[in-house]
């Protein structure tokens, strides 16, 4: 299960990504409710996805 817990302090690679409006609003709401930055939430989501990538297909 995904849990918000780790702060990504050394995130220093800048990238531009585009979100659908609905996904952006959901992520923004979750970040606000958990008192973390939008960027931190996105990094944690990506980390979680990579750690669990392919688990469903094995």
Protein backbone atom coordinates (compact mmCIF):
# COMPACT_ATOMS: atom_id res chain seq x y z
CA UNK A 1 0.00 0.00 0.00
CA UNK A 2 1.21 3.49 -0.81
CA UNK A 3 2.05 5.59 2.24
CA UNK A 4 3.33 9.15 2.40
CA UNK A 5 6.39 9.14 4.58
CA UNK A 6 9.69 10.14 3.02
CA UNK A 7 10.76 13.67 2.13
CA UNK A 8 12.80 13.88 -1.05
CA UNK A 9 15.39 16.44 0.00
CA UNK A 10 17.86 16.08 -2.84
CA UNK A 11 15.48 16.47 -5.78
CA UNK A 12 17.46 18.78 -8.01
CA UNK A 13 16.79 17.65 -11.60
CA UNK A 14 14.29 19.98 -13.22
CA UNK A 15 11.79 18.53 -15.70
CA UNK A 16 8.57 19.75 -17.18
CA UNK A 17 5.67 17.32 -17.24
CA UNK A 18 2.05 17.85 -18.15
CA UNK A 19 -0.87 16.50 -16.14
CA UNK A 20 -4.48 16.14 -17.08
CA UNK A 21 -6.58 18.61 -15.15
CA UNK A 22 -8.32 15.86 -13.19
CA UNK A 23 -5.10 14.13 -12.15
CA UNK A 24 -3.51 17.42 -11.17
CA UNK A 25 -6.50 18.34 -8.99
CA UNK A 26 -6.46 14.94 -7.24
CA UNK A 27 -2.72 15.07 -6.58
CA UNK A 28 -2.91 18.67 -5.43
CA UNK A 29 -5.72 17.79 -3.02
CA UNK A 30 -3.77 14.84 -1.56
CA UNK A 31 -0.65 16.98 -1.14
CA UNK A 32 -2.66 19.69 0.61
CA UNK A 33 -4.42 17.23 2.94
CA UNK A 34 -1.08 15.69 3.94
CA UNK A 35 0.74 19.02 4.29
CA UNK A 36 3.45 18.17 1.77
CA UNK A 37 4.47 19.84 -1.45
CA UNK A 38 3.02 18.77 -4.76
CA UNK A 39 6.54 17.98 -5.94
CA UNK A 40 7.23 15.72 -2.97
CA UNK A 41 3.99 13.83 -3.57
CA UNK A 42 4.78 13.29 -7.26
CA UNK A 43 8.30 12.05 -6.42
CA UNK A 44 6.93 9.63 -3.83
CA UNK A 45 4.30 8.36 -6.27
CA UNK A 46 6.97 7.76 -8.92
CA UNK A 47 9.23 6.00 -6.43
CA UNK A 48 6.38 3.75 -5.30
CA UNK A 49 5.42 2.94 -8.90
CA UNK A 50 8.99 2.00 -9.81
CA UNK A 51 9.41 -0.17 -6.71
CA UNK A 52 6.24 -2.08 -7.63
CA UNK A 53 6.68 -2.06 -11.40
CA UNK A 54 6.00 -5.46 -12.88
CA UNK A 55 4.79 -7.11 -9.68
CA UNK A 56 1.37 -7.78 -11.18
CA UNK A 57 2.84 -9.53 -14.22
CA UNK A 58 5.13 -11.96 -12.39
